[in-house]
Amino acid sequence: MPLFENHPALSDLVDPGPGVSADDPRILRAVAVRVAVAAARHVAGRRPEVFAAVGDSVPDGAAAGGAVATKSTPTDPVTVVDTETEDLIRDLLGQSRPDDTILGEEGGGDAGAAAGVRWIVDPIDGTVNFLYGVPAFAVSVAAQVDGVSVAGAVVDVAAAAVYSAARGHGAMLHEAGGEAHRLRCNTVSEVSMSLLATGFGYSRDRRSRQGELIAGVLPRVRDIRRIGSAALDLCMVASGRVDAHFEHGLSPWDWAAGSLIAAEAGAVLRLPSPDTMSAAGAVVVAAAPGIAKELDAMFTELGVLEPIPD
């Protein structure tokens, strides 16, 4: 059965019903879901065509016939599937929302153009995982109005799971078998019992500082997870699979959809401005409400909330 075609419950997101304005968050969520699912189908189908089978991945660009290039550092990859998928997303958004602007990880856009509806796109969040065949990478599509996320979808490609949210209308998870769940954060009330997710940058200096911060955080929490996709980390806060996520140096496409999904599930957020890019090193935090205040105090004490610029 083709990917995502066994998601009957998605129909309630794709068609919010009559009498809804074109810029209503529910309409924008419907667009985000349709586009993200189509992009996820492409990503899932292209990996075995471009790279070797899982367990026999080819992380070397030359060995992969030029299908892999690098961006900020030699360890920061971009694949032909990233660029193909963003092109597909831009085409689909252009067909349904021709008057909106787009900011994408690969194709760029004006980061300062926040007026009106702007789509924030990450064709593959977790490209290193995608490259190696680690099943933790996602397509992220969000709509922002005046710089605030109002709708978004994050598709966990390997799990064929669709996370989505519309501002003021809650967050949902549609699983591969068709089950639908309204998302809520965990009810954890002590930081010492919390499971945190985080991620690391690509530059040596930023990684060094992040390692120092982890050394301070780790003894004071239950444990830490590093999945390799900020979008999925934020969705895991929403679903209760982790209790909080923090990471320095994210760009808008990394958090625009996932942060809304977390917020609509009850998470307390700390976000940079919508025009802040990775180089600034600002921190993103999403925490279950029961630990948000204590976690913020601990992060302030340890210096976690300070930026780590490149």
C-alpha atoms as a PDB file:
ATOM      1  CA  MET A   1       0.000   0.000   0.000  1.00  0.00           C
ATOM      2  CA  PRO A   2       1.501   3.384  -0.932  1.00  0.00           C
ATOM      3  CA  LEU A   3       2.809   5.513   1.910  1.00  0.00           C
ATOM      4  CA  PHE A   4       0.136   7.404   3.884  1.00  0.00           C
ATOM      5  CA  GLU A   5      -2.828   6.115   1.863  1.00  0.00           C
ATOM      6  CA  ASN A   6      -3.991   4.222   4.979  1.00  0.00           C
ATOM      7  CA  HIS A   7      -4.642   7.488   6.827  1.00  0.00           C
ATOM      8  CA  PRO A   8      -8.456   7.829   6.605  1.00  0.00           C
ATOM      9  CA  ALA A   9      -8.544  10.211   9.592  1.00  0.00           C
ATOM     10  CA  LEU A  10      -6.541  12.788   7.645  1.00  0.00           C
ATOM     11  CA  SER A  11      -9.752  13.790   5.880  1.00  0.00           C
ATOM     12  CA  ASP A  12     -10.826  15.884   8.877  1.00  0.00           C
ATOM     13  CA  LEU A  13      -7.682  17.981   8.470  1.00  0.00           C
ATOM     14  CA  VAL A  14      -7.768  18.277   4.693  1.00  0.00           C
ATOM     15  CA  ASP A  15     -11.357  19.566   4.580  1.00  0.00           C
ATOM     16  CA  PRO A  16     -12.261  21.844   7.538  1.00  0.00           C
ATOM     17  CA  GLY A  17     -15.711  22.472   6.022  1.00  0.00           C
ATOM     18  CA  PRO A  18     -17.545  25.361   4.321  1.00  0.00           C
ATOM     19  CA  GLY A  19     -17.544  28.983   5.404  1.00  0.00           C
ATOM     20  CA  VAL A  20     -13.911  29.113   6.496  1.00  0.00           C
ATOM     21  CA  SER A  21     -11.720  31.947   5.233  1.00  0.00           C
ATOM     22  CA  ALA A  22      -8.715  31.180   3.066  1.00  0.00           C
ATOM     23  CA  ASP A  23      -6.301  32.305   5.798  1.00  0.00           C
ATOM     24  CA  ASP A  24      -8.013  30.490   8.659  1.00  0.00           C
ATOM     25  CA  PRO A  25      -5.430  28.376  10.545  1.00  0.00           C
ATOM     26  CA  ARG A  26      -7.463  25.240   9.802  1.00  0.00           C
ATOM     27  CA  ILE A  27      -7.264  25.881   6.063  1.00  0.00           C
ATOM     28  CA  LEU A  28      -3.551  26.576   6.315  1.00  0.00           C
ATOM     29  CA  ARG A  29      -3.087  23.373   8.322  1.00  0.00           C
ATOM     30  CA  ALA A  30      -4.924  21.453   5.617  1.00  0.00           C
ATOM     31  CA  VAL A  31      -2.530  22.838   3.014  1.00  0.00           C
ATOM     32  CA  ALA A  32       0.481  22.060   5.214  1.00  0.00           C
ATOM     33  CA  VAL A  33      -0.677  18.464   5.712  1.00  0.00           C
ATOM     34  CA  ARG A  34      -1.330  17.845   2.014  1.00  0.00           C
ATOM     35  CA  VAL A  35       1.999  19.312   0.954  1.00  0.00           C
ATOM     36  CA  ALA A  36       4.051  17.651   3.698  1.00  0.00           C
ATOM     37  CA  VAL A  37       2.541  14.228   3.027  1.00  0.00           C
ATOM     38  CA  ALA A  38       3.235  14.528  -0.714  1.00  0.00           C
ATOM     39  CA  ALA A  39       6.809  15.554   0.055  1.00  0.00           C
ATOM     40  CA  ALA A  40       7.232  12.664   2.501  1.00  0.00           C
ATOM     41  CA  ARG A  41       6.121  10.214  -0.175  1.00  0.00           C
ATOM     42  CA  HIS A  42       8.835  11.602  -2.422  1.00  0.00           C
ATOM     43  CA  VAL A  43      11.508  11.383   0.283  1.00  0.00           C
ATOM     44  CA  ALA A  44      10.564   7.814   1.186  1.00  0.00           C
ATOM     45  CA  GLY A  45      10.608   6.696  -2.433  1.00  0.00           C
ATOM     46  CA  ARG A  46      13.825   8.413  -3.429  1.00  0.00           C
ATOM     47  CA  ARG A  47      16.152   7.229  -0.690  1.00  0.00           C
ATOM     48  CA  PRO A  48      16.553   3.652  -1.970  1.00  0.00           C
ATOM     49  CA  GLU A  49      16.916   5.010  -5.511  1.00  0.00           C
ATOM     50  CA  VAL A  50      19.704   7.456  -4.636  1.00  0.00           C
ATOM     51  CA  PHE A  51      21.541   5.672  -1.825  1.00  0.00           C
ATOM     52  CA  ALA A  52      22.317   2.130  -0.822  1.00  0.00           C
ATOM     53  CA  ALA A  53      20.034   0.019   1.310  1.00  0.00           C
ATOM     54  CA  VAL A  54      19.658   0.724   5.021  1.00  0.00           C
ATOM     55  CA  GLY A  55      22.724  -0.656   6.783  1.00  0.00           C
ATOM     56  CA  ASP A  56      24.845  -0.065   3.678  1.00  0.00           C
ATOM     57  CA  SER A  57      24.492   3.698   3.351  1.00  0.00           C
ATOM     58  CA  VAL A  58      26.915   5.844   1.387  1.00  0.00           C
ATOM     59  CA  PRO A  59      27.757   9.052   3.278  1.00  0.00           C
ATOM     60  CA  ASP A  60      30.470  10.090   0.834  1.00  0.00           C
ATOM     61  CA  GLY A  61      29.261  12.534  -1.819  1.00  0.00           C
ATOM     62  CA  ALA A  62      31.675  11.383  -4.499  1.00  0.00           C
ATOM     63  CA  ALA A  63      30.881   7.726  -3.901  1.00  0.00           C
ATOM     64  CA  ALA A  64      27.196   8.570  -4.171  1.00  0.00           C
ATOM     65  CA  GLY A  65      27.659  10.024  -7.643  1.00  0.00           C
ATOM     66  CA  GLY A  66      27.542  13.613  -6.474  1.00  0.00           C
ATOM     67  CA  ALA A  67      24.208  13.160  -4.697  1.00  0.00           C
ATOM     68  CA  VAL A  68      25.641  14.685  -1.502  1.00  0.00           C
ATOM     69  CA  ALA A  69      27.170  18.129  -1.019  1.00  0.00           C
ATOM     70  CA  THR A  70      28.061  20.117   2.100  1.00  0.00           C
ATOM     71  CA  LYS A  71      26.887  23.453   3.489  1.00  0.00           C
ATOM     72  CA  SER A  72      28.181  25.195   6.628  1.00  0.00           C
ATOM     73  CA  THR A  73      30.905  22.626   7.427  1.00  0.00           C
ATOM     74  CA  PRO A  74      32.190  19.360   5.889  1.00  0.00           C
ATOM     75  CA  THR A  75      29.917  17.472   8.313  1.00  0.00           C
ATOM     76  CA  ASP A  76      26.755  19.437   7.342  1.00  0.00           C
ATOM     77  CA  PRO A  77      25.321  17.600   4.313  1.00  0.00           C
ATOM     78  CA  VAL A  78      22.664  18.386   1.761  1.00  0.00           C
ATOM     79  CA  THR A  79      21.463  15.730  -0.664  1.00  0.00           C
ATOM     80  CA  VAL A  80      19.858  15.855  -4.064  1.00  0.00           C
ATOM     81  CA  VAL A  81      16.678  14.617  -2.365  1.00  0.00           C
ATOM     82  CA  ASP A  82      16.634  17.691  -0.088  1.00  0.00           C
ATOM     83  CA  THR A  83      16.676  20.022  -3.087  1.00  0.00           C
ATOM     84  CA  GLU A  84      14.231  17.919  -5.109  1.00  0.00           C
ATOM     85  CA  THR A  85      11.793  17.802  -2.214  1.00  0.00           C
ATOM     86  CA  GLU A  86      11.919  21.527  -1.557  1.00  0.00           C
ATOM     87  CA  ASP A  87      11.277  22.160  -5.248  1.00  0.00           C
ATOM     88  CA  LEU A  88       8.242  19.886  -5.022  1.00  0.00           C
ATOM     89  CA  ILE A  89       6.964  21.695  -1.924  1.00  0.00           C
ATOM     90  CA  ARG A  90       7.416  25.087  -3.578  1.00  0.00           C
ATOM     91  CA  ASP A  91       5.528  23.898  -6.670  1.00  0.00           C
ATOM     92  CA  LEU A  92       2.625  22.558  -4.601  1.00  0.00           C
ATOM     93  CA  LEU A  93       2.405  25.684  -2.465  1.00  0.00           C
ATOM     94  CA  GLY A  94       2.584  27.828  -5.590  1.00  0.00           C
ATOM     95  CA  GLN A  95      -0.418  26.011  -7.025  1.00  0.00           C
ATOM     96  CA  SER A  96      -2.625  26.376  -3.935  1.00  0.00           C
ATOM     97  CA  ARG A  97      -1.240  29.601  -2.379  1.00  0.00           C
ATOM     98  CA  PRO A  98       0.262  31.645  -5.231  1.00  0.00           C
ATOM     99  CA  ASP A  99       0.211  34.949  -3.323  1.00  0.00           C
ATOM    100  CA  ASP A 100       2.106  33.689  -0.280  1.00  0.00           C
ATOM    101  CA  THR A 101       5.870  33.886   0.231  1.00  0.00           C
ATOM    102  CA  ILE A 102       8.149  30.933   1.035  1.00  0.00           C
ATOM    103  CA  LEU A 103      11.304  30.609   3.114  1.00  0.00           C
ATOM    104  CA  GLY A 104      13.066  27.270   2.692  1.00  0.00           C
ATOM    105  CA  GLU A 105      16.240  25.718   4.017  1.00  0.00           C
ATOM    106  CA  GLU A 106      17.618  24.945   0.568  1.00  0.00           C
ATOM    107  CA  GLY A 107      15.967  27.515  -1.704  1.00  0.00           C
ATOM    108  CA  GLY A 108      16.135  30.421   0.715  1.00  0.00           C
ATOM    109  CA  GLY A 109      13.853  33.431   0.616  1.00  0.00           C
ATOM    110  CA  ASP A 110      13.683  36.758   2.386  1.00  0.00           C
ATOM    111  CA  ALA A 111      13.980  35.970   6.095  1.00  0.00           C
ATOM    112  CA  GLY A 112      12.826  39.467   6.957  1.00  0.00           C
ATOM    113  CA  ALA A 113       9.600  39.353   4.899  1.00  0.00           C
ATOM    114  CA  ALA A 114       7.249  38.369   7.713  1.00  0.00           C
ATOM    115  CA  ALA A 115       4.127  40.337   6.682  1.00  0.00           C
ATOM    116  CA  GLY A 116       1.150  38.284   5.531  1.00  0.00           C
ATOM    117  CA  VAL A 117       1.279  34.513   5.120  1.00  0.00           C
ATOM    118  CA  ARG A 118       4.735  33.026   4.758  1.00  0.00           C
ATOM    119  CA  TRP A 119       5.485  29.307   4.451  1.00  0.00           C
ATOM    120  CA  ILE A 120       8.533  27.961   6.281  1.00  0.00           C
ATOM    121  CA  VAL A 121       9.849  24.760   4.736  1.00  0.00           C
ATOM    122  CA  ASP A 122      12.381  22.111   5.724  1.00  0.00           C
ATOM    123  CA  PRO A 123      12.314  19.362   3.074  1.00  0.00           C
ATOM    124  CA  ILE A 124      14.309  16.907   5.215  1.00  0.00           C
ATOM    125  CA  ASP A 125      14.931  17.744   8.849  1.00  0.00           C
ATOM    126  CA  GLY A 126      17.513  15.200   9.918  1.00  0.00           C
ATOM    127  CA  THR A 127      19.508  14.935   6.703  1.00  0.00           C
ATOM    128  CA  VAL A 128      22.392  13.092   8.385  1.00  0.00           C
ATOM    129  CA  ASN A 129      19.926  10.444   9.609  1.00  0.00           C
ATOM    130  CA  PHE A 130      18.432  10.257   6.116  1.00  0.00           C
ATOM    131  CA  LEU A 131      21.898   9.850   4.617  1.00  0.00           C
ATOM    132  CA  TYR A 132      22.872   7.005   6.929  1.00  0.00           C
ATOM    133  CA  GLY A 133      19.497   5.282   6.946  1.00  0.00           C
ATOM    134  CA  VAL A 134      18.700   6.117  10.574  1.00  0.00           C
ATOM    135  CA  PRO A 135      14.869   6.182  10.730  1.00  0.00           C
ATOM    136  CA  ALA A 136      14.471   9.652  12.268  1.00  0.00           C
ATOM    137  CA  PHE A 137      13.955  12.336   9.625  1.00  0.00           C
ATOM    138  CA  ALA A 138      10.995  14.486   8.779  1.00  0.00           C
ATOM    139  CA  VAL A 139       9.358  16.898   6.377  1.00  0.00           C
ATOM    140  CA  SER A 140       8.335  20.165   8.061  1.00  0.00           C
ATOM    141  CA  VAL A 141       5.916  22.707   6.574  1.00  0.00           C
ATOM    142  CA  ALA A 142       4.550  25.680   8.527  1.00  0.00           C
ATOM    143  CA  ALA A 143       2.516  28.778   7.798  1.00  0.00           C
ATOM    144  CA  GLN A 144       3.323  31.982   9.650  1.00  0.00           C
ATOM    145  CA  VAL A 145       1.219  35.129   9.731  1.00  0.00           C
ATOM    146  CA  ASP A 146       3.114  38.271  10.683  1.00  0.00           C
ATOM    147  CA  GLY A 147       5.966  36.082  11.916  1.00  0.00           C
ATOM    148  CA  VAL A 148       3.847  33.826  14.162  1.00  0.00           C
ATOM    149  CA  SER A 149       3.273  30.155  13.343  1.00  0.00           C
ATOM    150  CA  VAL A 150      -0.446  29.516  12.886  1.00  0.00           C
ATOM    151  CA  ALA A 151      -0.442  26.138  11.118  1.00  0.00           C
ATOM    152  CA  GLY A 152       2.013  23.354  10.553  1.00  0.00           C
ATOM    153  CA  ALA A 153       2.661  19.733   9.726  1.00  0.00           C
ATOM    154  CA  VAL A 154       5.629  17.529  10.526  1.00  0.00           C
ATOM    155  CA  VAL A 155       5.742  14.119   8.862  1.00  0.00           C
ATOM    156  CA  ASP A 156       7.906  11.415  10.425  1.00  0.00           C
ATOM    157  CA  VAL A 157       8.788   9.737   7.148  1.00  0.00           C
ATOM    158  CA  ALA A 158      10.038   6.387   8.450  1.00  0.00           C
ATOM    159  CA  ALA A 159       7.078   5.942  10.811  1.00  0.00           C
ATOM    160  CA  ALA A 160       4.542   7.322   8.289  1.00  0.00           C
ATOM    161  CA  ALA A 161       3.184   9.487  11.117  1.00  0.00           C
ATOM    162  CA  VAL A 162       1.667  12.927  10.596  1.00  0.00           C
ATOM    163  CA  TYR A 163       1.833  15.570  13.332  1.00  0.00           C
ATOM    164  CA  SER A 164      -0.149  18.747  12.755  1.00  0.00           C
ATOM    165  CA  ALA A 165      -1.561  21.794  14.492  1.00  0.00           C
ATOM    166  CA  ALA A 166      -3.656  24.883  13.847  1.00  0.00           C
ATOM    167  CA  ARG A 167      -3.303  27.819  16.218  1.00  0.00           C
ATOM    168  CA  GLY A 168      -6.158  27.735  18.707  1.00  0.00           C
ATOM    169  CA  HIS A 169      -7.396  24.339  17.470  1.00  0.00           C
ATOM    170  CA  GLY A 170      -5.006  21.895  19.119  1.00  0.00           C
ATOM    171  CA  ALA A 171      -2.402  19.435  17.875  1.00  0.00           C
ATOM    172  CA  MET A 172      -2.966  15.973  16.414  1.00  0.00           C
ATOM    173  CA  LEU A 173      -1.002  12.848  15.595  1.00  0.00           C
ATOM    174  CA  HIS A 174      -2.238  10.572  12.810  1.00  0.00           C
ATOM    175  CA  GLU A 175      -0.403   7.264  12.932  1.00  0.00           C
ATOM    176  CA  ALA A 176       0.332   4.904  10.062  1.00  0.00           C
ATOM    177  CA  GLY A 177      -2.590   2.626  10.875  1.00  0.00           C
ATOM    178  CA  GLY A 178      -5.067   5.481  10.802  1.00  0.00           C
ATOM    179  CA  GLU A 179      -5.326   6.058  14.555  1.00  0.00           C
ATOM    180  CA  ALA A 180      -5.719   9.720  15.506  1.00  0.00           C
ATOM    181  CA  HIS A 181      -4.692  11.199  18.850  1.00  0.00           C
ATOM    182  CA  ARG A 182      -5.022  14.682  20.277  1.00  0.00           C
ATOM    183  CA  LEU A 183      -1.607  15.563  21.666  1.00  0.00           C
ATOM    184  CA  ARG A 184      -0.878  16.660  25.230  1.00  0.00           C
ATOM    185  CA  CYS A 185       2.437  17.129  27.005  1.00  0.00           C
ATOM    186  CA  ASN A 186       3.390  14.935  29.913  1.00  0.00           C
ATOM    187  CA  THR A 187       2.274  15.878  33.432  1.00  0.00           C
ATOM    188  CA  VAL A 188       5.813  15.635  34.856  1.00  0.00           C
ATOM    189  CA  SER A 189       6.324  18.117  37.691  1.00  0.00           C
ATOM    190  CA  GLU A 190      10.022  17.806  38.612  1.00  0.00           C
ATOM    191  CA  VAL A 191      12.998  18.540  36.389  1.00  0.00           C
ATOM    192  CA  SER A 192      14.939  15.763  38.122  1.00  0.00           C
ATOM    193  CA  MET A 193      12.432  13.273  36.691  1.00  0.00           C
ATOM    194  CA  SER A 194      12.330  14.753  33.188  1.00  0.00           C
ATOM    195  CA  LEU A 195      13.620  13.335  29.919  1.00  0.00           C
ATOM    196  CA  LEU A 196      15.165  16.051  27.746  1.00  0.00           C
ATOM    197  CA  ALA A 197      15.917  16.084  24.023  1.00  0.00           C
ATOM    198  CA  THR A 198      18.620  18.217  22.443  1.00  0.00           C
ATOM    199  CA  GLY A 199      20.735  18.602  19.333  1.00  0.00           C
ATOM    200  CA  PHE A 200      24.188  19.851  18.403  1.00  0.00           C
ATOM    201  CA  GLY A 201      25.548  22.278  15.844  1.00  0.00           C
ATOM    202  CA  TYR A 202      28.097  21.563  13.141  1.00  0.00           C
ATOM    203  CA  SER A 203      30.858  24.020  14.056  1.00  0.00           C
ATOM    204  CA  ARG A 204      33.609  22.889  16.400  1.00  0.00           C
ATOM    205  CA  ASP A 205      33.297  25.884  18.763  1.00  0.00           C
ATOM    206  CA  ARG A 206      29.537  25.569  19.150  1.00  0.00           C
ATOM    207  CA  ARG A 207      29.779  21.849  19.789  1.00  0.00           C
ATOM    208  CA  SER A 208      32.425  22.413  22.440  1.00  0.00           C
ATOM    209  CA  ARG A 209      30.207  24.849  24.335  1.00  0.00           C
ATOM    210  CA  GLN A 210      27.175  22.597  23.939  1.00  0.00           C
ATOM    211  CA  GLY A 211      29.176  19.740  25.440  1.00  0.00           C
ATOM    212  CA  GLU A 212      30.005  21.900  28.460  1.00  0.00           C
ATOM    213  CA  LEU A 213      26.325  22.730  28.932  1.00  0.00           C
ATOM    214  CA  ILE A 214      25.294  19.076  28.661  1.00  0.00           C
ATOM    215  CA  ALA A 215      27.799  18.251  31.414  1.00  0.00           C
ATOM    216  CA  GLY A 216      25.943  20.667  33.665  1.00  0.00           C
ATOM    217  CA  VAL A 217      22.435  19.586  32.693  1.00  0.00           C
ATOM    218  CA  LEU A 218      22.833  15.800  32.658  1.00  0.00           C
ATOM    219  CA  PRO A 219      23.304  15.217  36.423  1.00  0.00           C
ATOM    220  CA  ARG A 220      20.116  17.195  37.131  1.00  0.00           C
ATOM    221  CA  VAL A 221      17.625  15.382  34.878  1.00  0.00           C
ATOM    222  CA  ARG A 222      16.418  11.823  34.307  1.00  0.00           C
ATOM    223  CA  ASP A 223      18.333  11.547  31.024  1.00  0.00           C
ATOM    224  CA  ILE A 224      18.990  13.201  27.673  1.00  0.00           C
ATOM    225  CA  ARG A 225      18.144  12.018  24.148  1.00  0.00           C
ATOM    226  CA  ARG A 226      19.704  13.169  20.875  1.00  0.00           C
ATOM    227  CA  ILE A 227      17.457  12.096  17.984  1.00  0.00           C
ATOM    228  CA  GLY A 228      18.920  14.266  15.212  1.00  0.00           C
ATOM    229  CA  SER A 229      15.801  16.144  14.086  1.00  0.00           C
ATOM    230  CA  ALA A 230      14.620  19.240  15.945  1.00  0.00           C
ATOM    231  CA  ALA A 231      11.199  19.012  14.297  1.00  0.00           C
ATOM    232  CA  LEU A 232      10.707  15.491  15.633  1.00  0.00           C
ATOM    233  CA  ASP A 233      12.083  16.485  19.052  1.00  0.00           C
ATOM    234  CA  LEU A 234       9.450  19.216  19.322  1.00  0.00           C
ATOM    235  CA  CYS A 235       6.730  16.789  18.264  1.00  0.00           C
ATOM    236  CA  MET A 236       7.954  14.352  20.924  1.00  0.00           C
ATOM    237  CA  VAL A 237       7.463  17.078  23.547  1.00  0.00           C
ATOM    238  CA  ALA A 238       3.900  17.400  22.252  1.00  0.00           C
ATOM    239  CA  SER A 239       3.271  13.647  22.377  1.00  0.00           C
ATOM    240  CA  GLY A 240       4.929  13.116  25.757  1.00  0.00           C
ATOM    241  CA  ARG A 241       7.770  10.992  24.436  1.00  0.00           C
ATOM    242  CA  VAL A 242      10.132  13.535  25.979  1.00  0.00           C
ATOM    243  CA  ASP A 243       9.425  16.247  28.533  1.00  0.00           C
ATOM    244  CA  ALA A 244      11.428  19.110  27.017  1.00  0.00           C
ATOM    245  CA  HIS A 245      13.654  20.043  24.104  1.00  0.00           C
ATOM    246  CA  PHE A 246      16.402  22.642  23.955  1.00  0.00           C
ATOM    247  CA  GLU A 247      18.833  23.452  21.177  1.00  0.00           C
ATOM    248  CA  HIS A 248      21.063  26.305  20.068  1.00  0.00           C
ATOM    249  CA  GLY A 249      21.472  27.535  16.520  1.00  0.00           C
ATOM    250  CA  LEU A 250      18.209  26.535  14.899  1.00  0.00           C
ATOM    251  CA  SER A 251      16.827  28.404  11.898  1.00  0.00           C
ATOM    252  CA  PRO A 252      13.101  29.114  11.442  1.00  0.00           C
ATOM    253  CA  TRP A 253      12.527  26.048   9.258  1.00  0.00           C
ATOM    254  CA  ASP A 254      13.783  23.839  12.105  1.00  0.00           C
ATOM    255  CA  TRP A 255      11.186  25.017  14.638  1.00  0.00           C
ATOM    256  CA  ALA A 256       8.318  26.800  12.834  1.00  0.00           C
ATOM    257  CA  ALA A 257       6.008  23.777  12.575  1.00  0.00           C
ATOM    258  CA  GLY A 258       7.215  21.693  15.513  1.00  0.00           C
ATOM    259  CA  SER A 259       7.048  24.541  18.013  1.00  0.00           C
ATOM    260  CA  LEU A 260       3.405  25.232  17.145  1.00  0.00           C
ATOM    261  CA  ILE A 261       2.571  21.545  17.541  1.00  0.00           C
ATOM    262  CA  ALA A 262       4.278  21.552  20.946  1.00  0.00           C
ATOM    263  CA  ALA A 263       2.542  24.780  22.002  1.00  0.00           C
ATOM    264  CA  GLU A 264      -0.896  23.502  20.995  1.00  0.00           C
ATOM    265  CA  ALA A 265      -0.193  20.415  23.111  1.00  0.00           C
ATOM    266  CA  GLY A 266       0.453  22.648  26.128  1.00  0.00           C
ATOM    267  CA  ALA A 267       4.207  23.206  26.007  1.00  0.00           C
ATOM    268  CA  VAL A 268       5.797  26.424  27.225  1.00  0.00           C
ATOM    269  CA  LEU A 269       8.109  27.871  24.558  1.00  0.00           C
ATOM    270  CA  ARG A 270      11.118  30.112  24.293  1.00  0.00           C
ATOM    271  CA  LEU A 271      11.688  31.041  20.642  1.00  0.00           C
ATOM    272  CA  PRO A 272      13.967  33.452  18.777  1.00  0.00           C
ATOM    273  CA  SER A 273      12.519  36.040  16.427  1.00  0.00           C
ATOM    274  CA  PRO A 274      11.267  34.584  13.119  1.00  0.00           C
ATOM    275  CA  ASP A 275      14.173  36.163  11.205  1.00  0.00           C
ATOM    276  CA  THR A 276      16.916  34.698  13.445  1.00  0.00           C
ATOM    277  CA  MET A 277      19.149  32.259  11.593  1.00  0.00           C
ATOM    278  CA  SER A 278      21.414  29.481  12.823  1.00  0.00           C
ATOM    279  CA  ALA A 279      24.569  31.601  12.918  1.00  0.00           C
ATOM    280  CA  ALA A 280      23.159  33.707  15.771  1.00  0.00           C
ATOM    281  CA  GLY A 281      23.123  30.639  17.998  1.00  0.00           C
ATOM    282  CA  ALA A 282      19.893  31.527  19.811  1.00  0.00           C
ATOM    283  CA  VAL A 283      18.271  28.827  21.917  1.00  0.00           C
ATOM    284  CA  VAL A 284      14.891  27.186  21.352  1.00  0.00           C
ATOM    285  CA  VAL A 285      13.198  25.639  24.380  1.00  0.00           C
ATOM    286  CA  ALA A 286       9.926  23.715  24.586  1.00  0.00           C
ATOM    287  CA  ALA A 287       8.952  22.271  27.958  1.00  0.00           C
ATOM    288  CA  ALA A 288       6.002  20.473  29.493  1.00  0.00           C
ATOM    289  CA  PRO A 289       4.113  23.028  31.594  1.00  0.00           C
ATOM    290  CA  GLY A 290       4.741  21.302  34.924  1.00  0.00           C
ATOM    291  CA  ILE A 291       8.516  21.751  34.664  1.00  0.00           C
ATOM    292  CA  ALA A 292       8.755  24.920  32.573  1.00  0.00           C
ATOM    293  CA  LYS A 293       9.441  27.345  35.430  1.00  0.00           C
ATOM    294  CA  GLU A 294      11.970  25.110  37.180  1.00  0.00           C
ATOM    295  CA  LEU A 295      13.698  24.245  33.920  1.00  0.00           C
ATOM    296  CA  ASP A 296      13.960  27.917  32.957  1.00  0.00           C
ATOM    297  CA  ALA A 297      15.571  28.695  36.316  1.00  0.00           C
ATOM    298  CA  MET A 298      18.048  25.837  35.931  1.00  0.00           C
ATOM    299  CA  PHE A 299      18.900  26.871  32.377  1.00  0.00           C
ATOM    300  CA  THR A 300      19.426  30.465  33.545  1.00  0.00           C
ATOM    301  CA  GLU A 301      21.764  29.275  36.297  1.00  0.00           C
ATOM    302  CA  LEU A 302      23.797  27.101  33.909  1.00  0.00           C
ATOM    303  CA  GLY A 303      23.937  29.629  31.057  1.00  0.00           C
ATOM    304  CA  VAL A 304      21.903  27.481  28.684  1.00  0.00           C
ATOM    305  CA  LEU A 305      19.731  30.417  27.645  1.00  0.00           C
ATOM    306  CA  GLU A 306      22.694  32.418  26.353  1.00  0.00           C
ATOM    307  CA  PRO A 307      23.267  32.265  22.566  1.00  0.00           C
ATOM    308  CA  ILE A 308      26.183  30.319  21.102  1.00  0.00           C
ATOM    309  CA  PRO A 309      26.952  32.184  17.854  1.00  0.00           C
ATOM    310  CA  ASP A 310      29.133  30.691  15.134  1.00  0.00           C
END
